[in-house]
Amino acid sequence: MTILPQELKTLIDSKADFLLLDVREEWEYEEYHIGGLNIPLNSLPFRLQEIASWKSKMIVIHCKAGTRGRTGTKYLLKHGFLAVKNLEGGVQAFIETFPQAILN
């Protein structure tokens, strides 16, 4: 149910078919991000239709440090999504490992 920053980097570099889902608030995403779709955690229940085509495909979900990502992962799994993984340590851990990956 989790993925390490190095594993995510491998997915990105290999151009794998997966959805990177950032569940931080919009202002956090605008401040910096690593790509992907931004749906804040509190908006997720109202925006499931936007990601419905990913129900049987891989989704990597992340927040800043991991807590909201875990909550979002559990929520998606409960609602029929089959391959959801939370980024261990969140985007902070990813950019500590790969600082060149920051987008803004």
PDB file of N, CA and C in Angstrom:
ATOM      1  N   MET A   1       0.817  -1.206   0.000  1.00  0.00           N
ATOM      2  CA  MET A   1       0.000   0.000   0.000  1.00  0.00           C
ATOM      3  C   MET A   1       0.859   1.268   0.000  1.00  0.00           C
ATOM      4  N   THR A   2       2.199   1.125   0.072  1.00  0.00           N
ATOM      5  CA  THR A   2       3.074   2.284  -0.001  1.00  0.00           C
ATOM      6  C   THR A   2       4.085   2.102  -1.133  1.00  0.00           C
ATOM      7  N   ILE A   3       4.674   3.223  -1.508  1.00  0.00           N
ATOM      8  CA  ILE A   3       5.720   3.221  -2.514  1.00  0.00           C
ATOM      9  C   ILE A   3       6.819   4.166  -2.019  1.00  0.00           C
ATOM     10  N   LEU A   4       8.039   3.779  -2.203  1.00  0.00           N
ATOM     11  CA  LEU A   4       9.173   4.588  -1.783  1.00  0.00           C
ATOM     12  C   LEU A   4       9.503   5.636  -2.839  1.00  0.00           C
ATOM     13  N   PRO A   5      10.142   6.750  -2.449  1.00  0.00           N
ATOM     14  CA  PRO A   5      10.512   7.764  -3.434  1.00  0.00           C
ATOM     15  C   PRO A   5      11.305   7.209  -4.612  1.00  0.00           C
ATOM     16  N   GLN A   6      12.235   6.297  -4.356  1.00  0.00           N
ATOM     17  CA  GLN A   6      13.044   5.720  -5.433  1.00  0.00           C
ATOM     18  C   GLN A   6      12.184   4.928  -6.416  1.00  0.00           C
ATOM     19  N   GLU A   7      11.167   4.227  -5.887  1.00  0.00           N
ATOM     20  CA  GLU A   7      10.264   3.466  -6.758  1.00  0.00           C
ATOM     21  C   GLU A   7       9.421   4.403  -7.618  1.00  0.00           C
ATOM     22  N   LEU A   8       8.966   5.508  -7.024  1.00  0.00           N
ATOM     23  CA  LEU A   8       8.201   6.482  -7.800  1.00  0.00           C
ATOM     24  C   LEU A   8       9.069   7.091  -8.895  1.00  0.00           C
ATOM     25  N   LYS A   9      10.294   7.415  -8.581  1.00  0.00           N
ATOM     26  CA  LYS A   9      11.211   7.983  -9.580  1.00  0.00           C
ATOM     27  C   LYS A   9      11.397   7.014 -10.747  1.00  0.00           C
ATOM     28  N   THR A  10      11.495   5.723 -10.446  1.00  0.00           N
ATOM     29  CA  THR A  10      11.609   4.713 -11.498  1.00  0.00           C
ATOM     30  C   THR A  10      10.368   4.709 -12.385  1.00  0.00           C
ATOM     31  N   LEU A  11       9.189   4.810 -11.774  1.00  0.00           N
ATOM     32  CA  LEU A  11       7.944   4.872 -12.558  1.00  0.00           C
ATOM     33  C   LEU A  11       7.925   6.090 -13.462  1.00  0.00           C
ATOM     34  N   ILE A  12       8.311   7.237 -12.906  1.00  0.00           N
ATOM     35  CA  ILE A  12       8.328   8.474 -13.687  1.00  0.00           C
ATOM     36  C   ILE A  12       9.319   8.362 -14.845  1.00  0.00           C
ATOM     37  N   ASP A  13      10.525   7.906 -14.551  1.00  0.00           N
ATOM     38  CA  ASP A  13      11.568   7.808 -15.573  1.00  0.00           C
ATOM     39  C   ASP A  13      11.219   6.815 -16.678  1.00  0.00           C
ATOM     40  N   SER A  14      10.490   5.756 -16.321  1.00  0.00           N
ATOM     41  CA  SER A  14      10.119   4.754 -17.316  1.00  0.00           C
ATOM     42  C   SER A  14       8.845   5.118 -18.075  1.00  0.00           C
ATOM     43  N   LYS A  15       8.278   6.271 -17.711  1.00  0.00           N
ATOM     44  CA  LYS A  15       7.036   6.737 -18.342  1.00  0.00           C
ATOM     45  C   LYS A  15       5.913   5.702 -18.205  1.00  0.00           C
ATOM     46  N   ALA A  16       5.862   5.067 -17.043  1.00  0.00           N
ATOM     47  CA  ALA A  16       4.822   4.075 -16.757  1.00  0.00           C
ATOM     48  C   ALA A  16       3.446   4.736 -16.783  1.00  0.00           C
ATOM     49  N   ASP A  17       2.446   3.936 -17.048  1.00  0.00           N
ATOM     50  CA  ASP A  17       1.065   4.412 -17.091  1.00  0.00           C
ATOM     51  C   ASP A  17       0.494   4.368 -15.675  1.00  0.00           C
ATOM     52  N   PHE A  18       0.543   5.505 -14.995  1.00  0.00           N
ATOM     53  CA  PHE A  18      -0.015   5.610 -13.655  1.00  0.00           C
ATOM     54  C   PHE A  18      -0.474   7.038 -13.435  1.00  0.00           C
ATOM     55  N   LEU A  19      -1.348   7.212 -12.451  1.00  0.00           N
ATOM     56  CA  LEU A  19      -1.822   8.543 -12.085  1.00  0.00           C
ATOM     57  C   LEU A  19      -1.110   8.973 -10.819  1.00  0.00           C
ATOM     58  N   LEU A  20      -0.461  10.129 -10.870  1.00  0.00           N
ATOM     59  CA  LEU A  20       0.137  10.736  -9.697  1.00  0.00           C
ATOM     60  C   LEU A  20      -0.889  11.719  -9.152  1.00  0.00           C
ATOM     61  N   LEU A  21      -1.370  11.462  -7.944  1.00  0.00           N
ATOM     62  CA  LEU A  21      -2.444  12.247  -7.353  1.00  0.00           C
ATOM     63  C   LEU A  21      -1.947  12.966  -6.108  1.00  0.00           C
ATOM     64  N   ASP A  22      -1.943  14.271  -6.168  1.00  0.00           N
ATOM     65  CA  ASP A  22      -1.488  15.138  -5.079  1.00  0.00           C
ATOM     66  C   ASP A  22      -2.723  15.589  -4.295  1.00  0.00           C
ATOM     67  N   VAL A  23      -2.826  15.183  -3.014  1.00  0.00           N
ATOM     68  CA  VAL A  23      -4.011  15.512  -2.222  1.00  0.00           C
ATOM     69  C   VAL A  23      -3.779  16.687  -1.272  1.00  0.00           C
ATOM     70  N   ARG A  24      -2.711  17.454  -1.520  1.00  0.00           N
ATOM     71  CA  ARG A  24      -2.492  18.662  -0.732  1.00  0.00           C
ATOM     72  C   ARG A  24      -3.471  19.746  -1.186  1.00  0.00           C
ATOM     73  N   GLU A  25      -3.562  20.808  -0.424  1.00  0.00           N
ATOM     74  CA  GLU A  25      -4.410  21.937  -0.788  1.00  0.00           C
ATOM     75  C   GLU A  25      -3.871  22.603  -2.054  1.00  0.00           C
ATOM     76  N   GLU A  26      -4.744  23.305  -2.760  1.00  0.00           N
ATOM     77  CA  GLU A  26      -4.353  23.947  -4.013  1.00  0.00           C
ATOM     78  C   GLU A  26      -3.179  24.900  -3.816  1.00  0.00           C
ATOM     79  N   TRP A  27      -3.183  25.672  -2.741  1.00  0.00           N
ATOM     80  CA  TRP A  27      -2.090  26.630  -2.502  1.00  0.00           C
ATOM     81  C   TRP A  27      -0.759  25.908  -2.282  1.00  0.00           C
ATOM     82  N   GLU A  28      -0.816  24.718  -1.677  1.00  0.00           N
ATOM     83  CA  GLU A  28       0.411  23.937  -1.484  1.00  0.00           C
ATOM     84  C   GLU A  28       0.947  23.464  -2.836  1.00  0.00           C
ATOM     85  N   TYR A  29       0.029  23.007  -3.681  1.00  0.00           N
ATOM     86  CA  TYR A  29       0.407  22.542  -5.017  1.00  0.00           C
ATOM     87  C   TYR A  29       1.003  23.682  -5.832  1.00  0.00           C
ATOM     88  N   GLU A  30       0.392  24.870  -5.745  1.00  0.00           N
ATOM     89  CA  GLU A  30       0.883  26.025  -6.492  1.00  0.00           C
ATOM     90  C   GLU A  30       2.270  26.454  -6.008  1.00  0.00           C
ATOM     91  N   GLU A  31       2.537  26.260  -4.716  1.00  0.00           N
ATOM     92  CA  GLU A  31       3.834  26.620  -4.150  1.00  0.00           C
ATOM     93  C   GLU A  31       4.951  25.772  -4.763  1.00  0.00           C
ATOM     94  N   TYR A  32       4.741  24.473  -4.827  1.00  0.00           N
ATOM     95  CA  TYR A  32       5.654  23.537  -5.485  1.00  0.00           C
ATOM     96  C   TYR A  32       4.956  22.199  -5.633  1.00  0.00           C
ATOM     97  N   HIS A  33       5.372  21.444  -6.639  1.00  0.00           N
ATOM     98  CA  HIS A  33       4.801  20.118  -6.869  1.00  0.00           C
ATOM     99  C   HIS A  33       5.756  19.296  -7.710  1.00  0.00           C
ATOM    100  N   ILE A  34       5.395  18.035  -7.905  1.00  0.00           N
ATOM    101  CA  ILE A  34       6.216  17.144  -8.732  1.00  0.00           C
ATOM    102  C   ILE A  34       5.420  16.635  -9.937  1.00  0.00           C
ATOM    103  N   GLY A  35       4.373  17.371 -10.275  1.00  0.00           N
ATOM    104  CA  GLY A  35       3.510  16.985 -11.385  1.00  0.00           C
ATOM    105  C   GLY A  35       2.267  16.290 -10.875  1.00  0.00           C
ATOM    106  N   GLY A  36       1.511  15.761 -11.773  1.00  0.00           N
ATOM    107  CA  GLY A  36       0.315  15.014 -11.396  1.00  0.00           C
ATOM    108  C   GLY A  36      -0.916  15.894 -11.279  1.00  0.00           C
ATOM    109  N   LEU A  37      -1.980  15.254 -10.847  1.00  0.00           N
ATOM    110  CA  LEU A  37      -3.286  15.882 -10.686  1.00  0.00           C
ATOM    111  C   LEU A  37      -3.463  16.293  -9.238  1.00  0.00           C
ATOM    112  N   ASN A  38      -3.921  17.510  -9.013  1.00  0.00           N
ATOM    113  CA  ASN A  38      -4.157  18.006  -7.658  1.00  0.00           C
ATOM    114  C   ASN A  38      -5.647  17.952  -7.347  1.00  0.00           C
ATOM    115  N   ILE A  39      -6.004  17.087  -6.404  1.00  0.00           N
ATOM    116  CA  ILE A  39      -7.351  17.059  -5.844  1.00  0.00           C
ATOM    117  C   ILE A  39      -7.177  17.059  -4.321  1.00  0.00           C
ATOM    118  N   PRO A  40      -7.430  18.196  -3.661  1.00  0.00           N
ATOM    119  CA  PRO A  40      -7.274  18.230  -2.208  1.00  0.00           C
ATOM    120  C   PRO A  40      -8.089  17.124  -1.532  1.00  0.00           C
ATOM    121  N   LEU A  41      -7.542  16.588  -0.453  1.00  0.00           N
ATOM    122  CA  LEU A  41      -8.175  15.465   0.237  1.00  0.00           C
ATOM    123  C   LEU A  41      -9.636  15.733   0.567  1.00  0.00           C
ATOM    124  N   ASN A  42      -9.955  16.932   1.055  1.00  0.00           N
ATOM    125  CA  ASN A  42     -11.343  17.216   1.419  1.00  0.00           C
ATOM    126  C   ASN A  42     -12.271  17.310   0.214  1.00  0.00           C
ATOM    127  N   SER A  43     -11.722  17.445  -0.989  1.00  0.00           N
ATOM    128  CA  SER A  43     -12.523  17.484  -2.217  1.00  0.00           C
ATOM    129  C   SER A  43     -12.653  16.118  -2.880  1.00  0.00           C
ATOM    130  N   LEU A  44     -11.866  15.162  -2.438  1.00  0.00           N
ATOM    131  CA  LEU A  44     -11.822  13.853  -3.089  1.00  0.00           C
ATOM    132  C   LEU A  44     -13.198  13.180  -3.203  1.00  0.00           C
ATOM    133  N   PRO A  45     -14.019  13.169  -2.144  1.00  0.00           N
ATOM    134  CA  PRO A  45     -15.329  12.511  -2.274  1.00  0.00           C
ATOM    135  C   PRO A  45     -16.221  13.116  -3.359  1.00  0.00           C
ATOM    136  N   PHE A  46     -16.014  14.387  -3.655  1.00  0.00           N
ATOM    137  CA  PHE A  46     -16.853  15.079  -4.630  1.00  0.00           C
ATOM    138  C   PHE A  46     -16.277  15.045  -6.039  1.00  0.00           C
ATOM    139  N   ARG A  47     -15.042  14.535  -6.172  1.00  0.00           N
ATOM    140  CA  ARG A  47     -14.375  14.563  -7.477  1.00  0.00           C
ATOM    141  C   ARG A  47     -13.930  13.180  -7.959  1.00  0.00           C
ATOM    142  N   LEU A  48     -14.509  12.127  -7.390  1.00  0.00           N
ATOM    143  CA  LEU A  48     -14.133  10.767  -7.789  1.00  0.00           C
ATOM    144  C   LEU A  48     -14.366  10.506  -9.271  1.00  0.00           C
ATOM    145  N   GLN A  49     -15.367  11.154  -9.865  1.00  0.00           N
ATOM    146  CA  GLN A  49     -15.650  10.939 -11.286  1.00  0.00           C
ATOM    147  C   GLN A  49     -14.469  11.351 -12.154  1.00  0.00           C
ATOM    148  N   GLU A  50     -13.645  12.295 -11.692  1.00  0.00           N
ATOM    149  CA  GLU A  50     -12.494  12.745 -12.465  1.00  0.00           C
ATOM    150  C   GLU A  50     -11.425  11.662 -12.604  1.00  0.00           C
ATOM    151  N   ILE A  51     -11.406  10.724 -11.668  1.00  0.00           N
ATOM    152  CA  ILE A  51     -10.381   9.676 -11.701  1.00  0.00           C
ATOM    153  C   ILE A  51     -10.989   8.285 -11.861  1.00  0.00           C
ATOM    154  N   ALA A  52     -12.269   8.228 -12.175  1.00  0.00           N
ATOM    155  CA  ALA A  52     -12.972   6.943 -12.287  1.00  0.00           C
ATOM    156  C   ALA A  52     -12.318   6.006 -13.309  1.00  0.00           C
ATOM    157  N   SER A  53     -11.734   6.540 -14.361  1.00  0.00           N
ATOM    158  CA  SER A  53     -11.103   5.692 -15.383  1.00  0.00           C
ATOM    159  C   SER A  53      -9.839   5.009 -14.862  1.00  0.00           C
ATOM    160  N   TRP A  54      -9.378   5.390 -13.679  1.00  0.00           N
ATOM    161  CA  TRP A  54      -8.174   4.809 -13.073  1.00  0.00           C
ATOM    162  C   TRP A  54      -8.504   3.735 -12.043  1.00  0.00           C
ATOM    163  N   LYS A  55      -9.752   3.323 -11.943  1.00  0.00           N
ATOM    164  CA  LYS A  55     -10.152   2.359 -10.900  1.00  0.00           C
ATOM    165  C   LYS A  55      -9.324   1.081 -10.913  1.00  0.00           C
ATOM    166  N   SER A  56      -8.945   0.602 -12.075  1.00  0.00           N
ATOM    167  CA  SER A  56      -8.180  -0.651 -12.127  1.00  0.00           C
ATOM    168  C   SER A  56      -6.718  -0.425 -12.517  1.00  0.00           C
ATOM    169  N   LYS A  57      -6.302   0.839 -12.578  1.00  0.00           N
ATOM    170  CA  LYS A  57      -4.924   1.168 -12.926  1.00  0.00           C
ATOM    171  C   LYS A  57      -4.199   1.710 -11.698  1.00  0.00           C
ATOM    172  N   MET A  58      -2.891   1.827 -11.794  1.00  0.00           N
ATOM    173  CA  MET A  58      -2.109   2.289 -10.657  1.00  0.00           C
ATOM    174  C   MET A  58      -2.289   3.782 -10.402  1.00  0.00           C
ATOM    175  N   ILE A  59      -2.501   4.090  -9.130  1.00  0.00           N
ATOM    176  CA  ILE A  59      -2.542   5.471  -8.655  1.00  0.00           C
ATOM    177  C   ILE A  59      -1.514   5.585  -7.547  1.00  0.00           C
ATOM    178  N   VAL A  60      -0.646   6.595  -7.657  1.00  0.00           N
ATOM    179  CA  VAL A  60       0.282   6.921  -6.581  1.00  0.00           C
ATOM    180  C   VAL A  60      -0.215   8.228  -5.989  1.00  0.00           C
ATOM    181  N   ILE A  61      -0.573   8.177  -4.733  1.00  0.00           N
ATOM    182  CA  ILE A  61      -1.152   9.327  -4.058  1.00  0.00           C
ATOM    183  C   ILE A  61      -0.123   9.885  -3.085  1.00  0.00           C
ATOM    184  N   HIS A  62      -0.100  11.199  -2.961  1.00  0.00           N
ATOM    185  CA  HIS A  62       0.832  11.796  -1.996  1.00  0.00           C
ATOM    186  C   HIS A  62       0.300  13.110  -1.450  1.00  0.00           C
ATOM    187  N   CYS A  63       0.838  13.465  -0.290  1.00  0.00           N
ATOM    188  CA  CYS A  63       0.588  14.753   0.330  1.00  0.00           C
ATOM    189  C   CYS A  63       1.948  15.335   0.688  1.00  0.00           C
ATOM    190  N   LYS A  64       2.019  16.131   1.733  1.00  0.00           N
ATOM    191  CA  LYS A  64       3.297  16.728   2.110  1.00  0.00           C
ATOM    192  C   LYS A  64       4.208  15.724   2.802  1.00  0.00           C
ATOM    193  N   ALA A  65       3.662  15.000   3.822  1.00  0.00           N
ATOM    194  CA  ALA A  65       4.510  14.098   4.608  1.00  0.00           C
ATOM    195  C   ALA A  65       3.986  12.675   4.718  1.00  0.00           C
ATOM    196  N   GLY A  66       2.770  12.417   4.257  1.00  0.00           N
ATOM    197  CA  GLY A  66       2.273  11.052   4.240  1.00  0.00           C
ATOM    198  C   GLY A  66       0.931  10.810   4.898  1.00  0.00           C
ATOM    199  N   THR A  67       0.524  11.661   5.835  1.00  0.00           N
ATOM    200  CA  THR A  67      -0.714  11.406   6.585  1.00  0.00           C
ATOM    201  C   THR A  67      -1.955  11.537   5.710  1.00  0.00           C
ATOM    202  N   ARG A  68      -2.092  12.641   4.998  1.00  0.00           N
ATOM    203  CA  ARG A  68      -3.262  12.810   4.123  1.00  0.00           C
ATOM    204  C   ARG A  68      -3.237  11.790   2.991  1.00  0.00           C
ATOM    205  N   GLY A  69      -2.044  11.444   2.537  1.00  0.00           N
ATOM    206  CA  GLY A  69      -1.919  10.423   1.500  1.00  0.00           C
ATOM    207  C   GLY A  69      -2.447   9.081   1.958  1.00  0.00           C
ATOM    208  N   ARG A  70      -2.122   8.697   3.201  1.00  0.00           N
ATOM    209  CA  ARG A  70      -2.645   7.436   3.765  1.00  0.00           C
ATOM    210  C   ARG A  70      -4.162   7.471   3.832  1.00  0.00           C
ATOM    211  N   THR A  71      -4.707   8.593   4.288  1.00  0.00           N
ATOM    212  CA  THR A  71      -6.166   8.734   4.376  1.00  0.00           C
ATOM    213  C   THR A  71      -6.794   8.626   2.997  1.00  0.00           C
ATOM    214  N   GLY A  72      -6.216   9.304   2.016  1.00  0.00           N
ATOM    215  CA  GLY A  72      -6.730   9.245   0.646  1.00  0.00           C
ATOM    216  C   GLY A  72      -6.624   7.859   0.043  1.00  0.00           C
ATOM    217  N   THR A  73      -5.528   7.168   0.336  1.00  0.00           N
ATOM    218  CA  THR A  73      -5.342   5.797  -0.157  1.00  0.00           C
ATOM    219  C   THR A  73      -6.443   4.896   0.385  1.00  0.00           C
ATOM    220  N   LYS A  74      -6.687   4.955   1.669  1.00  0.00           N
ATOM    221  CA  LYS A  74      -7.743   4.135   2.282  1.00  0.00           C
ATOM    222  C   LYS A  74      -9.108   4.467   1.693  1.00  0.00           C
ATOM    223  N   TYR A  75      -9.357   5.744   1.471  1.00  0.00           N
ATOM    224  CA  TYR A  75     -10.639   6.169   0.912  1.00  0.00           C
ATOM    225  C   TYR A  75     -10.837   5.599  -0.492  1.00  0.00           C
ATOM    226  N   LEU A  76      -9.811   5.717  -1.333  1.00  0.00           N
ATOM    227  CA  LEU A  76      -9.941   5.210  -2.703  1.00  0.00           C
ATOM    228  C   LEU A  76     -10.100   3.697  -2.724  1.00  0.00           C
ATOM    229  N   LEU A  77      -9.336   2.992  -1.908  1.00  0.00           N
ATOM    230  CA  LEU A  77      -9.467   1.532  -1.842  1.00  0.00           C
ATOM    231  C   LEU A  77     -10.878   1.140  -1.397  1.00  0.00           C
ATOM    232  N   LYS A  78     -11.415   1.852  -0.431  1.00  0.00           N
ATOM    233  CA  LYS A  78     -12.778   1.592   0.061  1.00  0.00           C
ATOM    234  C   LYS A  78     -13.821   1.828  -1.038  1.00  0.00           C
ATOM    235  N   HIS A  79     -13.505   2.705  -1.984  1.00  0.00           N
ATOM    236  CA  HIS A  79     -14.447   3.029  -3.048  1.00  0.00           C
ATOM    237  C   HIS A  79     -14.121   2.337  -4.373  1.00  0.00           C
ATOM    238  N   GLY A  80     -13.463   1.198  -4.286  1.00  0.00           N
ATOM    239  CA  GLY A  80     -13.316   0.338  -5.450  1.00  0.00           C
ATOM    240  C   GLY A  80     -12.075   0.528  -6.302  1.00  0.00           C
ATOM    241  N   PHE A  81     -11.196   1.413  -5.922  1.00  0.00           N
ATOM    242  CA  PHE A  81      -9.944   1.556  -6.664  1.00  0.00           C
ATOM    243  C   PHE A  81      -9.029   0.419  -6.245  1.00  0.00           C
ATOM    244  N   LEU A  82      -8.372  -0.196  -7.201  1.00  0.00           N
ATOM    245  CA  LEU A  82      -7.693  -1.457  -6.938  1.00  0.00           C
ATOM    246  C   LEU A  82      -6.190  -1.365  -6.698  1.00  0.00           C
ATOM    247  N   ALA A  83      -5.524  -0.363  -7.254  1.00  0.00           N
ATOM    248  CA  ALA A  83      -4.063  -0.318  -7.193  1.00  0.00           C
ATOM    249  C   ALA A  83      -3.593   1.067  -6.742  1.00  0.00           C
ATOM    250  N   VAL A  84      -3.841   1.376  -5.477  1.00  0.00           N
ATOM    251  CA  VAL A  84      -3.499   2.686  -4.933  1.00  0.00           C
ATOM    252  C   VAL A  84      -2.332   2.535  -3.966  1.00  0.00           C
ATOM    253  N   LYS A  85      -1.325   3.373  -4.152  1.00  0.00           N
ATOM    254  CA  LYS A  85      -0.160   3.348  -3.259  1.00  0.00           C
ATOM    255  C   LYS A  85       0.108   4.757  -2.758  1.00  0.00           C
ATOM    256  N   ASN A  86       0.452   4.844  -1.480  1.00  0.00           N
ATOM    257  CA  ASN A  86       0.794   6.115  -0.858  1.00  0.00           C
ATOM    258  C   ASN A  86       2.305   6.304  -0.899  1.00  0.00           C
ATOM    259  N   LEU A  87       2.753   7.493  -1.297  1.00  0.00           N
ATOM    260  CA  LEU A  87       4.176   7.800  -1.325  1.00  0.00           C
ATOM    261  C   LEU A  87       4.691   7.929   0.105  1.00  0.00           C
ATOM    262  N   GLU A  88       5.553   7.020   0.492  1.00  0.00           N
ATOM    263  CA  GLU A  88       6.127   7.001   1.840  1.00  0.00           C
ATOM    264  C   GLU A  88       6.889   8.295   2.093  1.00  0.00           C
ATOM    265  N   GLY A  89       6.492   9.027   3.144  1.00  0.00           N
ATOM    266  CA  GLY A  89       7.146  10.288   3.476  1.00  0.00           C
ATOM    267  C   GLY A  89       6.643  11.483   2.689  1.00  0.00           C
ATOM    268  N   GLY A  90       5.711  11.245   1.787  1.00  0.00           N
ATOM    269  CA  GLY A  90       5.111  12.321   1.007  1.00  0.00           C
ATOM    270  C   GLY A  90       6.073  13.006   0.060  1.00  0.00           C
ATOM    271  N   VAL A  91       5.634  14.138  -0.443  1.00  0.00           N
ATOM    272  CA  VAL A  91       6.435  14.882  -1.411  1.00  0.00           C
ATOM    273  C   VAL A  91       7.723  15.406  -0.771  1.00  0.00           C
ATOM    274  N   GLN A  92       7.699  15.631   0.541  1.00  0.00           N
ATOM    275  CA  GLN A  92       8.926  16.065   1.216  1.00  0.00           C
ATOM    276  C   GLN A  92      10.037  15.042   1.054  1.00  0.00           C
ATOM    277  N   ALA A  93       9.722  13.777   1.285  1.00  0.00           N
ATOM    278  CA  ALA A  93      10.728  12.723   1.145  1.00  0.00           C
ATOM    279  C   ALA A  93      11.200  12.621  -0.304  1.00  0.00           C
ATOM    280  N   PHE A  94      10.270  12.793  -1.247  1.00  0.00           N
ATOM    281  CA  PHE A  94      10.641  12.698  -2.657  1.00  0.00           C
ATOM    282  C   PHE A  94      11.605  13.807  -3.052  1.00  0.00           C
ATOM    283  N   ILE A  95      11.304  15.045  -2.672  1.00  0.00           N
ATOM    284  CA  ILE A  95      12.177  16.140  -3.093  1.00  0.00           C
ATOM    285  C   ILE A  95      13.477  16.190  -2.287  1.00  0.00           C
ATOM    286  N   GLU A  96      13.493  15.598  -1.094  1.00  0.00           N
ATOM    287  CA  GLU A  96      14.767  15.479  -0.374  1.00  0.00           C
ATOM    288  C   GLU A  96      15.700  14.523  -1.127  1.00  0.00           C
ATOM    289  N   THR A  97      15.112  13.493  -1.719  1.00  0.00           N
ATOM    290  CA  THR A  97      15.886  12.515  -2.472  1.00  0.00           C
ATOM    291  C   THR A  97      16.187  13.002  -3.885  1.00  0.00           C
ATOM    292  N   PHE A  98      15.231  13.682  -4.488  1.00  0.00           N
ATOM    293  CA  PHE A  98      15.359  14.145  -5.882  1.00  0.00           C
ATOM    294  C   PHE A  98      15.013  15.635  -5.971  1.00  0.00           C
ATOM    295  N   PRO A  99      15.859  16.518  -5.475  1.00  0.00           N
ATOM    296  CA  PRO A  99      15.522  17.953  -5.468  1.00  0.00           C
ATOM    297  C   PRO A  99      15.285  18.549  -6.841  1.00  0.00           C
ATOM    298  N   GLN A 100      15.852  17.965  -7.868  1.00  0.00           N
ATOM    299  CA  GLN A 100      15.652  18.472  -9.220  1.00  0.00           C
ATOM    300  C   GLN A 100      14.242  18.214  -9.749  1.00  0.00           C
ATOM    301  N   ALA A 101      13.440  17.431  -9.021  1.00  0.00           N
ATOM    302  CA  ALA A 101      12.098  17.073  -9.476  1.00  0.00           C
ATOM    303  C   ALA A 101      11.054  18.131  -9.159  1.00  0.00           C
ATOM    304  N   ILE A 102      11.405  19.168  -8.408  1.00  0.00           N
ATOM    305  CA  ILE A 102      10.447  20.195  -8.012  1.00  0.00           C
ATOM    306  C   ILE A 102       9.993  20.999  -9.222  1.00  0.00           C
ATOM    307  N   LEU A 103       8.691  21.187  -9.330  1.00  0.00           N
ATOM    308  CA  LEU A 103       8.086  22.030 -10.356  1.00  0.00           C
ATOM    309  C   LEU A 103       7.338  23.148  -9.655  1.00  0.00           C
ATOM    310  N   ASN A 104       7.266  24.294 -10.292  1.00  0.00           N
ATOM    311  CA  ASN A 104       6.436  25.378  -9.749  1.00  0.00           C
ATOM    312  C   ASN A 104       6.051  26.328 -10.845  1.00  0.00           C
TER     313      ASN A 104
END
